[in-house]
Protein backbone atom coordinates (compact mmCIF):
# COMPACT_ATOMS: atom_id res chain seq x y z
CA UNK A 1 5.54 -3.98 -8.15
CA UNK A 2 4.62 -2.24 -4.92
CA UNK A 3 1.33 -0.38 -4.50
CA UNK A 4 1.91 3.38 -4.92
CA UNK A 5 2.82 4.96 -1.60
CA UNK A 6 0.42 7.84 -0.83
CA UNK A 7 3.07 10.43 0.19
CA UNK A 8 5.25 9.56 -2.80
CA UNK A 9 2.36 9.63 -5.26
CA UNK A 10 1.16 12.97 -3.85
CA UNK A 11 4.67 14.36 -4.15
CA UNK A 12 4.85 13.35 -7.81
CA UNK A 13 1.42 14.82 -8.56
CA UNK A 14 2.44 18.10 -6.89
CA UNK A 15 5.78 18.62 -8.62
CA UNK A 16 5.69 16.79 -11.96
CA UNK A 17 3.56 17.19 -15.09
CA UNK A 18 0.58 14.82 -14.95
CA UNK A 19 1.87 12.39 -17.60
CA UNK A 20 5.35 12.33 -16.04
CA UNK A 21 3.82 11.76 -12.60
CA UNK A 22 1.95 8.74 -13.98
CA UNK A 23 5.18 7.28 -15.32
CA UNK A 24 7.06 8.03 -12.08
CA UNK A 25 4.40 6.45 -9.87
CA UNK A 26 4.43 3.31 -12.04
CA UNK A 27 8.15 2.96 -11.26
CA UNK A 28 7.77 2.96 -7.44
CA UNK A 29 9.56 -0.04 -5.90
CA UNK A 30 9.83 -1.53 -2.40
CA UNK A 31 12.98 -1.04 -0.34
CA UNK A 32 14.09 -1.94 3.16
CA UNK A 33 14.94 1.02 5.37
CA UNK A 34 17.43 -0.04 8.05
CA UNK A 35 17.08 1.75 11.40
CA UNK A 36 18.30 1.20 14.98
CA UNK A 37 16.69 -1.93 16.43
CA UNK A 38 14.46 -1.57 19.46
CA UNK A 39 14.99 -3.96 22.39
CA UNK A 40 13.59 -7.38 21.45
CA UNK A 41 13.33 -6.63 17.72
CA UNK A 42 14.92 -9.08 15.27
CA UNK A 43 18.34 -7.86 14.15
CA UNK A 44 18.48 -7.76 10.36
CA UNK A 45 21.73 -5.85 9.87
CA UNK A 46 24.63 -4.23 11.67
CA UNK A 47 26.76 -1.18 11.17
CA UNK A 48 30.36 -1.47 12.28
CA UNK A 49 31.56 -3.64 15.12
CA UNK A 50 33.78 -6.70 14.67
CA UNK A 51 32.66 -9.02 11.85
CA UNK A 52 32.33 -12.80 12.26
CA UNK A 53 34.48 -14.37 9.55
CA UNK A 54 35.72 -17.82 8.50
CA UNK A 55 39.20 -18.80 9.63
CA UNK A 56 40.55 -18.77 6.07
CA UNK A 57 38.98 -15.41 5.18
CA UNK A 58 41.33 -12.99 3.41
CA UNK A 59 40.64 -9.45 4.61
CA UNK A 60 39.88 -7.15 1.62
CA UNK A 61 42.81 -4.96 0.63
CA UNK A 62 43.26 -1.96 -1.64
CA UNK A 63 46.65 -2.68 -3.14
CA UNK A 64 49.12 0.08 -2.32
CA UNK A 65 46.78 1.83 0.11
CA UNK A 66 45.85 -0.63 2.81
CA UNK A 67 43.04 -2.80 4.20
CA UNK A 68 39.40 -1.86 3.78
CA UNK A 69 37.28 -1.16 6.85
CA UNK A 70 34.26 -3.27 7.76
CA UNK A 71 31.18 -1.08 7.34
CA UNK A 72 28.04 -3.25 7.56
CA UNK A 73 26.58 -6.74 7.47
CA UNK A 74 23.11 -7.86 6.39
CA UNK A 75 21.51 -11.14 7.45
CA UNK A 76 19.57 -12.27 4.38
CA UNK A 77 17.78 -14.97 6.39
CA UNK A 78 16.13 -12.35 8.59
CA UNK A 79 14.59 -10.32 5.75
CA UNK A 80 10.80 -10.03 5.62
CA UNK A 81 9.49 -12.68 3.24
CA UNK A 82 9.14 -11.44 -0.36
CA UNK A 83 9.73 -7.86 0.77
CA UNK A 84 11.84 -6.80 -2.20
CA UNK A 85 11.76 -7.11 -5.98
CA UNK A 86 15.41 -8.17 -6.24
CA UNK A 87 16.67 -11.74 -5.94
CA UNK A 88 18.59 -11.66 -2.67
CA UNK A 89 19.63 -15.02 -1.17
CA UNK A 90 17.17 -16.59 1.25
CA UNK A 91 19.96 -17.05 3.79
CA UNK A 92 23.57 -16.14 4.45
CA UNK A 93 25.33 -12.90 5.35
CA UNK A 94 26.35 -10.01 3.12
CA UNK A 95 29.38 -8.01 4.30
CA UNK A 96 30.31 -4.55 3.04
CA UNK A 97 33.83 -3.10 3.21
CA UNK A 98 35.12 0.37 2.33
CA UNK A 99 38.33 2.36 2.75
CA UNK A 100 37.53 5.98 3.53
CA UNK A 101 39.77 8.54 1.76
CA UNK A 102 40.57 10.19 5.11
CA UNK A 103 42.85 7.24 5.86
CA UNK A 104 44.89 8.20 2.78
CA UNK A 105 45.80 11.84 3.47
CA UNK A 106 42.31 13.04 2.56
CA UNK A 107 42.73 11.65 -0.98
CA UNK A 108 39.51 12.16 -2.91
CA UNK A 109 38.62 9.89 -5.82
CA UNK A 110 35.91 10.83 -8.28
CA UNK A 111 32.89 8.65 -7.60
CA UNK A 112 32.67 7.40 -11.18
CA UNK A 113 36.42 6.73 -11.58
CA UNK A 114 37.23 3.06 -12.25
CA UNK A 115 39.84 3.02 -9.45
CA UNK A 116 37.07 3.73 -6.93
CA UNK A 117 36.13 0.04 -7.18
CA UNK A 118 39.34 -0.98 -5.40
CA UNK A 119 38.22 0.94 -2.32
CA UNK A 120 35.05 -1.06 -1.67
CA UNK A 121 33.99 -4.70 -1.59
CA UNK A 122 30.91 -6.84 -1.00
CA UNK A 123 31.39 -10.37 0.35
CA UNK A 124 28.82 -13.14 0.80
CA UNK A 125 29.12 -15.81 3.50
CA UNK A 126 26.81 -18.82 2.97
CA UNK A 127 24.94 -20.13 5.98
CA UNK A 128 26.54 -22.94 7.96
CA UNK A 129 30.11 -21.67 7.74
CA UNK A 130 32.20 -21.77 10.92
CA UNK A 131 32.97 -18.15 11.82
CA UNK A 132 34.48 -16.19 14.67
CA UNK A 133 34.82 -12.48 15.37
CA UNK A 134 37.92 -11.13 13.65
CA UNK A 135 39.57 -7.87 14.72
CA UNK A 136 40.40 -5.65 11.74
CA UNK A 137 44.03 -5.53 10.63
CA UNK A 138 46.20 -2.53 11.35
CA UNK A 139 45.27 0.34 9.06
CA UNK A 140 41.56 -0.46 8.95
CA UNK A 141 39.08 1.58 10.96
CA UNK A 142 36.84 -0.03 13.60
CA UNK A 143 33.41 1.62 13.71
CA UNK A 144 31.08 1.43 16.73
CA UNK A 145 28.48 -1.34 16.55
CA UNK A 146 24.89 -0.33 15.75
CA UNK A 147 22.26 -3.08 15.53
CA UNK A 148 19.61 -2.51 12.85
CA UNK A 149 16.03 -3.59 12.22
CA UNK A 150 14.17 -2.95 8.97
CA UNK A 151 10.92 -1.49 7.68
CA UNK A 152 9.55 -2.02 4.19
CA UNK A 153 9.12 1.35 2.49
CA UNK A 154 8.19 2.56 -0.97
CA UNK A 155 10.96 4.21 -2.97
CA UNK A 156 10.88 6.22 -6.18
CA UNK A 157 13.46 7.09 -8.83
CA UNK A 158 15.40 10.33 -8.67
CA UNK A 159 15.07 13.03 -11.34
CA UNK A 160 17.93 11.65 -13.45
CA UNK A 161 17.30 7.94 -12.91
CA UNK A 162 17.75 6.01 -16.17
CA UNK A 163 14.41 4.22 -15.79
CA UNK A 164 12.58 7.54 -15.52
CA UNK A 165 14.56 9.00 -18.40
CA UNK A 166 13.58 6.01 -20.56
CA UNK A 167 9.93 6.47 -19.57
CA UNK A 168 10.02 10.09 -20.81
CA UNK A 169 10.00 8.75 -24.36
CA UNK A 170 6.29 8.14 -23.78
CA UNK A 171 5.37 11.71 -22.79
CA UNK A 172 4.87 14.86 -24.84
CA UNK A 173 7.68 17.09 -26.10
CA UNK A 174 6.46 19.78 -23.70
CA UNK A 175 6.74 17.46 -20.70
CA UNK A 176 10.16 16.28 -21.86
CA UNK A 177 11.31 19.90 -22.09
CA UNK A 178 10.11 20.45 -18.51
CA UNK A 179 12.15 17.49 -17.30
CA UNK A 180 15.21 18.56 -19.28
CA UNK A 181 15.39 21.90 -17.44
CA UNK A 182 17.43 21.29 -14.24
CA UNK A 183 15.83 24.32 -12.57
CA UNK A 184 12.54 22.43 -12.48
CA UNK A 185 14.08 19.65 -10.40
CA UNK A 186 14.67 21.67 -7.22
CA UNK A 187 11.15 21.54 -5.70
CA UNK A 188 10.85 17.82 -6.47
CA UNK A 189 14.25 16.98 -5.01
CA UNK A 190 13.64 19.09 -1.90
CA UNK A 191 10.33 17.34 -1.29
CA UNK A 192 11.97 13.92 -1.72
CA UNK A 193 14.70 14.98 0.69
CA UNK A 194 12.16 16.03 3.33
CA UNK A 195 10.52 12.60 3.19
CA UNK A 196 13.92 10.96 3.62
CA UNK A 197 14.80 13.16 6.60
CA UNK A 198 11.71 11.92 8.44
CA UNK A 199 13.20 8.40 8.41
CA UNK A 200 16.64 9.33 9.75
CA UNK A 201 19.86 8.04 8.15
CA UNK A 202 19.13 6.45 4.80
CA UNK A 203 20.49 2.94 5.16
CA UNK A 204 18.69 0.91 2.50
CA UNK A 205 18.57 -2.49 0.87
CA UNK A 206 16.99 -2.77 -2.56
CA UNK A 207 14.60 -0.31 -4.15
CA UNK A 208 16.02 2.98 -5.38
CA UNK A 209 19.00 4.80 -3.95
CA UNK A 210 18.57 8.13 -2.20
CA UNK A 211 21.20 10.03 -4.21
CA UNK A 212 22.88 13.29 -3.26
CA UNK A 213 24.46 14.34 -6.55
CA UNK A 214 22.43 12.67 -9.30
CA UNK A 215 21.82 9.11 -10.42
CA UNK A 216 24.16 6.58 -8.79
CA UNK A 217 23.35 4.18 -11.63
CA UNK A 218 24.95 6.66 -14.04
CA UNK A 219 28.00 6.95 -11.75
CA UNK A 220 28.46 3.19 -11.77
CA UNK A 221 27.87 2.96 -15.52
CA UNK A 222 30.57 5.57 -16.15
CA UNK A 223 33.02 3.60 -14.02
CA UNK A 224 32.15 0.42 -15.93
CA UNK A 225 32.74 2.20 -19.24
CA UNK A 226 36.16 3.51 -18.21
CA UNK A 227 35.17 6.77 -16.54
CA UNK A 228 35.45 8.98 -19.63
CA UNK A 229 31.99 8.88 -21.15
CA UNK A 230 29.93 11.91 -22.12
CA UNK A 231 26.73 12.28 -20.13
CA UNK A 232 24.64 12.36 -23.33
CA UNK A 233 26.21 9.18 -24.74
CA UNK A 234 23.37 6.64 -25.28
CA UNK A 235 25.72 3.82 -24.27
CA UNK A 236 26.04 5.36 -20.81
CA UNK A 237 22.31 5.33 -20.20
CA UNK A 238 21.87 1.87 -21.66
CA UNK A 239 24.49 0.58 -19.23
CA UNK A 240 22.97 2.53 -16.32
CA UNK A 241 19.61 0.80 -16.81
CA UNK A 242 21.27 -2.58 -16.13
CA UNK A 243 22.17 -1.66 -12.53
CA UNK A 244 20.05 -1.79 -9.40
CA UNK A 245 20.74 -0.82 -5.81
CA UNK A 246 22.01 -3.59 -3.55
CA UNK A 247 22.66 -1.52 -0.42
CA UNK A 248 23.13 2.09 0.65
CA UNK A 249 24.96 3.07 3.84
CA UNK A 250 24.44 6.66 4.91
CA UNK A 251 26.52 8.84 7.19
CA UNK A 252 25.47 7.99 10.76
CA UNK A 253 26.67 9.64 13.98
CA UNK A 254 25.72 6.57 16.01
CA UNK A 255 28.30 4.53 14.09
CA UNK A 256 30.82 7.37 13.75
CA UNK A 257 30.43 7.11 9.99
CA UNK A 258 30.82 10.33 8.01
CA UNK A 259 31.36 9.87 4.29
CA UNK A 260 32.81 13.16 3.08
CA UNK A 261 30.37 16.00 3.78
CA UNK A 262 27.39 13.96 5.09
CA UNK A 263 27.55 11.61 2.14
CA UNK A 264 26.50 8.03 1.47
CA UNK A 265 28.00 4.80 0.11
CA UNK A 266 26.21 2.83 -2.61
CA UNK A 267 26.73 -0.74 -3.79
CA UNK A 268 24.92 -1.69 -7.02
CA UNK A 269 24.71 -4.87 -9.06
CA UNK A 270 23.23 -6.05 -12.35
CA UNK A 271 20.12 -8.18 -11.81
CA UNK A 272 21.52 -11.19 -13.66
CA UNK A 273 24.68 -11.07 -11.55
CA UNK A 274 22.55 -10.85 -8.41
CA UNK A 275 20.47 -13.87 -9.43
CA UNK A 276 23.66 -15.83 -10.10
CA UNK A 277 25.20 -14.55 -6.82
CA UNK A 278 28.23 -13.12 -8.63
CA UNK A 279 29.09 -10.76 -5.78
CA UNK A 280 32.45 -9.87 -7.28
CA UNK A 281 30.50 -8.20 -10.09
CA UNK A 282 28.93 -5.65 -7.71
CA UNK A 283 30.02 -2.06 -8.27
CA UNK A 284 30.45 0.87 -5.91
CA UNK A 285 30.05 4.63 -5.88
CA UNK A 286 29.73 7.32 -3.24
CA UNK A 287 28.32 10.84 -3.13
CA UNK A 288 28.36 13.74 -0.69
CA UNK A 289 27.20 17.34 -0.46
């Protein structure tokens, strides 16, 4: 657990009922915010560029649509020691691939549709592997290279996050009614958005996602449950609580990355799958304005 961040705690006290604010502050978690690296700073991650891959690497493919594009890499060995509360590997490289709908005649896939999973992939390369830069295959986009450093930040759950919703069982009926009215969410969400804007593009590892259209955990849970699940189905929210953010890649002009209308890409994983390094079990969603 991370110590409550003063701006986040103040935001919660200002916009949430006192008992809800207490619950929200108790849920604050550390995250890594990825930003452009200054000269001489350790490089923790990259956006775009040409990835270094093993000779026998099979480039990720969306069957019937084409190869995925390389979006980002994260060097786990360069992370600040014990910075996060998720069990990332102590070394090795995580690679993130995605096929943007604009390469398929502007085809748009609902973010919680099961077929969305074919359009994104996370790959782990253990340390010590022989690698070389590999140009993307024809049909994949090549994004400009942006080198990234990282800062540890505090992150809090969004209004609809399953962990916060579960915590509401401990507050009064009056406070629950306040949280159930979507009109009450606007000031809170706007204040959260202003804090995010101060940091620039929201590239993150761990912590909570910075969602655009509601809980990304719920999006992923719907995809896992076949995509046709009512929002008030208890099974949906039970499944959503099993997922945690692995990485978020925002739209970023420096890397010529625009996901829909200034959207973001999100990769999530269950904690037990993360501990066991079952990267194929990661799930994907995206949101935009």
